[in-house]
Amino acid sequence: MADRPKFLDDLAGMAGGALSALTGMREEVEAMVRARIDEAMRRLDVVRREELDAVAEMAANARAGQEAAEAKLADIAARLAALEHPPVPAPVSSPAGFEGGGGLG
């Protein structure tokens, strides 16, 4: 097999260098676009999705805690009401044939 001409080696080297340069430029452009978008979001006072999800999770936890506290408060209120107003016992009936004032004489 014959050696490749120097021209093809030079061309391959230039293509590789150009590809590296384009890759670097693409990364730079992406970074600049990302920075511009972040800046625009800050100016518009827009929140990121991660921040919104975190706040939504905190709100859900707070709501669950509030519901648990309300249930506990209702239970305590019911127990307090039962202590303040105990149920009246049913009257005791006297045995059959034992009617009267209960006096001895």
N, C-alpha and C. Protein backbone atom coordinates (compact mmCIF):
# COMPACT_ATOMS: atom_id res chain seq x y z
N MET A 1 0.85 -1.16 0.00
CA MET A 1 0.00 0.00 0.00
C MET A 1 0.89 1.23 0.00
N ALA A 2 0.53 2.18 -0.79
CA ALA A 2 1.36 3.37 -0.93
C ALA A 2 1.07 4.35 0.18
N ASP A 3 2.08 5.14 0.50
CA ASP A 3 1.90 6.18 1.52
C ASP A 3 0.92 7.22 1.01
N ARG A 4 0.16 7.78 1.97
CA ARG A 4 -0.78 8.83 1.58
C ARG A 4 0.00 10.08 1.26
N PRO A 5 -0.49 10.81 0.31
CA PRO A 5 0.19 12.07 0.00
C PRO A 5 0.07 13.04 1.17
N LYS A 6 1.06 13.89 1.30
CA LYS A 6 1.11 14.86 2.39
C LYS A 6 -0.10 15.78 2.33
N PHE A 7 -0.61 16.02 1.16
CA PHE A 7 -1.76 16.90 0.99
C PHE A 7 -2.96 16.38 1.79
N LEU A 8 -3.21 15.06 1.73
CA LEU A 8 -4.35 14.48 2.45
C LEU A 8 -4.13 14.56 3.96
N ASP A 9 -2.90 14.36 4.41
CA ASP A 9 -2.61 14.50 5.84
C ASP A 9 -2.86 15.92 6.31
N ASP A 10 -2.40 16.89 5.50
CA ASP A 10 -2.63 18.29 5.85
C ASP A 10 -4.12 18.61 5.87
N LEU A 11 -4.84 18.09 4.89
CA LEU A 11 -6.29 18.34 4.81
C LEU A 11 -7.00 17.73 6.01
N ALA A 12 -6.62 16.51 6.41
CA ALA A 12 -7.21 15.87 7.58
C ALA A 12 -6.90 16.65 8.85
N GLY A 13 -5.67 17.15 8.95
CA GLY A 13 -5.29 17.94 10.12
C GLY A 13 -6.08 19.23 10.20
N MET A 14 -6.28 19.89 9.04
CA MET A 14 -7.05 21.13 9.01
C MET A 14 -8.52 20.86 9.38
N ALA A 15 -9.05 19.76 8.86
CA ALA A 15 -10.45 19.42 9.16
C ALA A 15 -10.62 19.14 10.65
N GLY A 16 -9.67 18.43 11.23
CA GLY A 16 -9.73 18.15 12.67
C GLY A 16 -9.63 19.43 13.49
N GLY A 17 -8.73 20.33 13.09
CA GLY A 17 -8.60 21.60 13.79
C GLY A 17 -9.85 22.45 13.65
N ALA A 18 -10.44 22.46 12.45
CA ALA A 18 -11.66 23.23 12.23
C ALA A 18 -12.81 22.66 13.07
N LEU A 19 -12.88 21.34 13.16
CA LEU A 19 -13.92 20.71 13.94
C LEU A 19 -13.76 21.07 15.42
N SER A 20 -12.53 21.05 15.90
CA SER A 20 -12.28 21.44 17.29
C SER A 20 -12.67 22.89 17.53
N ALA A 21 -12.33 23.75 16.59
CA ALA A 21 -12.67 25.16 16.72
C ALA A 21 -14.18 25.36 16.71
N LEU A 22 -14.88 24.65 15.82
CA LEU A 22 -16.34 24.76 15.76
C LEU A 22 -16.99 24.24 17.04
N THR A 23 -16.46 23.17 17.58
CA THR A 23 -16.99 22.64 18.84
C THR A 23 -16.82 23.65 19.96
N GLY A 24 -15.66 24.25 20.02
CA GLY A 24 -15.40 25.28 21.03
C GLY A 24 -16.32 26.49 20.85
N MET A 25 -16.52 26.88 19.59
CA MET A 25 -17.41 28.01 19.33
C MET A 25 -18.85 27.67 19.71
N ARG A 26 -19.26 26.44 19.42
CA ARG A 26 -20.62 26.03 19.78
C ARG A 26 -20.83 26.10 21.29
N GLU A 27 -19.85 25.62 22.05
CA GLU A 27 -19.94 25.67 23.51
C GLU A 27 -19.99 27.11 24.01
N GLU A 28 -19.21 27.97 23.38
CA GLU A 28 -19.23 29.39 23.76
C GLU A 28 -20.57 30.02 23.47
N VAL A 29 -21.12 29.73 22.29
CA VAL A 29 -22.43 30.29 21.92
C VAL A 29 -23.50 29.79 22.88
N GLU A 30 -23.46 28.50 23.21
CA GLU A 30 -24.44 27.95 24.15
C GLU A 30 -24.34 28.64 25.50
N ALA A 31 -23.13 28.88 25.98
CA ALA A 31 -22.93 29.55 27.26
C ALA A 31 -23.46 30.98 27.20
N MET A 32 -23.22 31.68 26.09
CA MET A 32 -23.71 33.05 25.96
C MET A 32 -25.24 33.08 25.91
N VAL A 33 -25.83 32.15 25.17
CA VAL A 33 -27.29 32.10 25.08
C VAL A 33 -27.88 31.78 26.46
N ARG A 34 -27.29 30.83 27.16
CA ARG A 34 -27.75 30.48 28.49
C ARG A 34 -27.68 31.68 29.43
N ALA A 35 -26.59 32.44 29.34
CA ALA A 35 -26.44 33.63 30.18
C ALA A 35 -27.49 34.67 29.84
N ARG A 36 -27.77 34.86 28.55
CA ARG A 36 -28.80 35.83 28.14
C ARG A 36 -30.18 35.41 28.62
N ILE A 37 -30.47 34.14 28.53
CA ILE A 37 -31.78 33.64 28.97
C ILE A 37 -31.91 33.82 30.48
N ASP A 38 -30.86 33.50 31.23
CA ASP A 38 -30.89 33.69 32.68
C ASP A 38 -31.11 35.16 33.03
N GLU A 39 -30.42 36.03 32.31
CA GLU A 39 -30.57 37.47 32.55
C GLU A 39 -32.00 37.91 32.25
N ALA A 40 -32.57 37.44 31.16
CA ALA A 40 -33.95 37.81 30.80
C ALA A 40 -34.93 37.28 31.85
N MET A 41 -34.69 36.08 32.34
CA MET A 41 -35.58 35.52 33.36
C MET A 41 -35.51 36.33 34.65
N ARG A 42 -34.32 36.79 35.01
CA ARG A 42 -34.19 37.62 36.21
C ARG A 42 -34.91 38.94 36.03
N ARG A 43 -34.79 39.54 34.84
CA ARG A 43 -35.46 40.82 34.58
C ARG A 43 -36.97 40.66 34.62
N LEU A 44 -37.48 39.55 34.10
CA LEU A 44 -38.92 39.31 34.06
C LEU A 44 -39.45 38.76 35.38
N ASP A 45 -38.58 38.52 36.32
CA ASP A 45 -38.94 37.98 37.63
C ASP A 45 -39.65 36.63 37.49
N VAL A 46 -39.10 35.77 36.64
CA VAL A 46 -39.63 34.43 36.40
C VAL A 46 -38.84 33.45 37.25
N VAL A 47 -39.54 32.48 37.82
CA VAL A 47 -38.84 31.48 38.64
C VAL A 47 -38.52 30.25 37.80
N ARG A 48 -37.52 29.54 38.22
CA ARG A 48 -37.14 28.31 37.55
C ARG A 48 -38.07 27.19 37.99
N ARG A 49 -38.17 26.17 37.18
CA ARG A 49 -39.05 25.04 37.45
C ARG A 49 -38.68 24.36 38.77
N GLU A 50 -37.38 24.22 39.04
CA GLU A 50 -36.93 23.57 40.27
C GLU A 50 -37.40 24.35 41.48
N GLU A 51 -37.33 25.69 41.41
CA GLU A 51 -37.77 26.52 42.53
C GLU A 51 -39.28 26.38 42.73
N LEU A 52 -40.03 26.36 41.64
CA LEU A 52 -41.47 26.22 41.71
C LEU A 52 -41.84 24.86 42.32
N ASP A 53 -41.17 23.81 41.89
CA ASP A 53 -41.44 22.48 42.44
C ASP A 53 -41.14 22.42 43.93
N ALA A 54 -40.04 23.07 44.35
CA ALA A 54 -39.68 23.08 45.77
C ALA A 54 -40.74 23.81 46.59
N VAL A 55 -41.21 24.94 46.10
CA VAL A 55 -42.24 25.69 46.82
C VAL A 55 -43.55 24.91 46.85
N ALA A 56 -43.89 24.24 45.76
CA ALA A 56 -45.12 23.43 45.73
C ALA A 56 -45.03 22.30 46.74
N GLU A 57 -43.87 21.68 46.85
CA GLU A 57 -43.69 20.61 47.83
C GLU A 57 -43.81 21.14 49.25
N MET A 58 -43.22 22.31 49.51
CA MET A 58 -43.33 22.92 50.83
C MET A 58 -44.79 23.24 51.16
N ALA A 59 -45.54 23.74 50.18
CA ALA A 59 -46.95 24.06 50.40
C ALA A 59 -47.76 22.79 50.69
N ALA A 60 -47.46 21.71 49.97
CA ALA A 60 -48.17 20.45 50.21
C ALA A 60 -47.88 19.92 51.61
N ASN A 61 -46.63 20.03 52.03
CA ASN A 61 -46.27 19.59 53.38
C ASN A 61 -46.97 20.44 54.43
N ALA A 62 -47.02 21.76 54.20
CA ALA A 62 -47.68 22.66 55.14
C ALA A 62 -49.18 22.34 55.20
N ARG A 63 -49.79 22.07 54.05
CA ARG A 63 -51.22 21.74 54.03
C ARG A 63 -51.48 20.45 54.79
N ALA A 64 -50.64 19.45 54.59
CA ALA A 64 -50.81 18.18 55.31
C ALA A 64 -50.65 18.39 56.81
N GLY A 65 -49.68 19.20 57.20
CA GLY A 65 -49.50 19.51 58.62
C GLY A 65 -50.69 20.25 59.20
N GLN A 66 -51.25 21.18 58.43
CA GLN A 66 -52.41 21.93 58.89
C GLN A 66 -53.61 21.00 59.06
N GLU A 67 -53.83 20.10 58.10
CA GLU A 67 -54.95 19.17 58.20
C GLU A 67 -54.79 18.25 59.41
N ALA A 68 -53.57 17.81 59.67
CA ALA A 68 -53.32 16.96 60.84
C ALA A 68 -53.58 17.74 62.13
N ALA A 69 -53.15 19.00 62.17
CA ALA A 69 -53.37 19.82 63.35
C ALA A 69 -54.86 20.08 63.56
N GLU A 70 -55.60 20.31 62.48
CA GLU A 70 -57.04 20.54 62.60
C GLU A 70 -57.75 19.28 63.11
N ALA A 71 -57.34 18.12 62.64
CA ALA A 71 -57.93 16.87 63.11
C ALA A 71 -57.63 16.66 64.59
N LYS A 72 -56.42 16.95 65.00
CA LYS A 72 -56.04 16.80 66.41
C LYS A 72 -56.82 17.78 67.27
N LEU A 73 -56.98 19.01 66.79
CA LEU A 73 -57.73 20.02 67.53
C LEU A 73 -59.19 19.60 67.67
N ALA A 74 -59.79 19.06 66.62
CA ALA A 74 -61.17 18.59 66.69
C ALA A 74 -61.30 17.46 67.71
N ASP A 75 -60.33 16.56 67.74
CA ASP A 75 -60.34 15.46 68.71
C ASP A 75 -60.24 16.01 70.14
N ILE A 76 -59.35 16.95 70.35
CA ILE A 76 -59.18 17.55 71.69
C ILE A 76 -60.46 18.29 72.09
N ALA A 77 -61.07 19.02 71.16
CA ALA A 77 -62.31 19.75 71.47
C ALA A 77 -63.43 18.78 71.84
N ALA A 78 -63.52 17.66 71.13
CA ALA A 78 -64.54 16.66 71.45
C ALA A 78 -64.30 16.06 72.83
N ARG A 79 -63.06 15.77 73.15
CA ARG A 79 -62.74 15.20 74.47
C ARG A 79 -63.03 16.21 75.57
N LEU A 80 -62.73 17.47 75.34
CA LEU A 80 -63.00 18.52 76.32
C LEU A 80 -64.50 18.68 76.54
N ALA A 81 -65.26 18.66 75.44
CA ALA A 81 -66.71 18.77 75.56
C ALA A 81 -67.28 17.60 76.35
N ALA A 82 -66.73 16.40 76.17
CA ALA A 82 -67.19 15.24 76.92
C ALA A 82 -66.87 15.39 78.40
N LEU A 83 -65.76 16.01 78.74
CA LEU A 83 -65.40 16.23 80.14
C LEU A 83 -66.28 17.31 80.77
N GLU A 84 -66.62 18.33 80.02
CA GLU A 84 -67.41 19.44 80.55
C GLU A 84 -68.87 19.03 80.73
N HIS A 85 -69.38 18.20 79.86
CA HIS A 85 -70.78 17.78 79.89
C HIS A 85 -70.83 16.25 79.90
N PRO A 86 -70.59 15.65 81.07
CA PRO A 86 -70.62 14.18 81.09
C PRO A 86 -72.03 13.67 80.80
N PRO A 87 -72.15 12.51 80.25
CA PRO A 87 -73.49 11.97 79.96
C PRO A 87 -74.24 11.68 81.25
N VAL A 88 -75.52 11.96 81.26
CA VAL A 88 -76.35 11.73 82.43
C VAL A 88 -76.67 10.24 82.49
N PRO A 89 -76.41 9.61 83.65
CA PRO A 89 -76.70 8.18 83.74
C PRO A 89 -78.21 7.95 83.70
N ALA A 90 -78.60 6.83 83.15
CA ALA A 90 -80.02 6.47 83.08
C ALA A 90 -80.53 6.16 84.48
N PRO A 91 -81.78 6.50 84.76
CA PRO A 91 -82.32 6.21 86.10
C PRO A 91 -82.34 4.71 86.36
N VAL A 92 -82.05 4.37 87.61
CA VAL A 92 -82.03 2.96 88.00
C VAL A 92 -83.45 2.57 88.38
N SER A 93 -83.94 1.51 87.80
CA SER A 93 -85.29 1.06 88.13
C SER A 93 -85.24 0.21 89.39
N SER A 94 -86.28 0.32 90.18
CA SER A 94 -86.31 -0.44 91.43
C SER A 94 -86.81 -1.86 91.14
N PRO A 95 -86.43 -2.80 91.99
CA PRO A 95 -86.87 -4.18 91.79
C PRO A 95 -88.39 -4.27 91.87
N ALA A 96 -88.96 -5.26 91.23
CA ALA A 96 -90.41 -5.45 91.18
C ALA A 96 -90.95 -5.69 92.58
N GLY A 97 -92.07 -5.04 92.88
CA GLY A 97 -92.72 -5.22 94.16
C GLY A 97 -92.07 -4.43 95.26
N PHE A 98 -91.11 -3.64 94.99
CA PHE A 98 -90.45 -2.86 96.02
C PHE A 98 -90.68 -1.40 95.73
N GLU A 99 -91.85 -0.98 95.85
CA GLU A 99 -92.19 0.40 95.59
C GLU A 99 -92.44 1.05 96.92
N GLY A 100 -92.23 2.22 97.00
CA GLY A 100 -92.56 2.91 98.22
C GLY A 100 -91.51 3.91 98.57
N GLY A 101 -91.70 4.51 99.65
CA GLY A 101 -90.83 5.60 100.07
C GLY A 101 -89.55 5.11 100.68
N GLY A 102 -89.45 3.86 100.96
CA GLY A 102 -88.22 3.35 101.50
C GLY A 102 -88.12 3.57 102.99
N GLY A 103 -89.19 4.01 103.60
CA GLY A 103 -89.15 4.24 105.05
C GLY A 103 -89.37 2.96 105.82
N LEU A 104 -88.98 2.94 107.06
CA LEU A 104 -89.12 1.74 107.88
C LEU A 104 -90.43 1.75 108.67
N GLY A 105 -91.03 2.65 108.78
CA GLY A 105 -92.10 2.57 109.71
C GLY A 105 -93.32 3.13 109.34
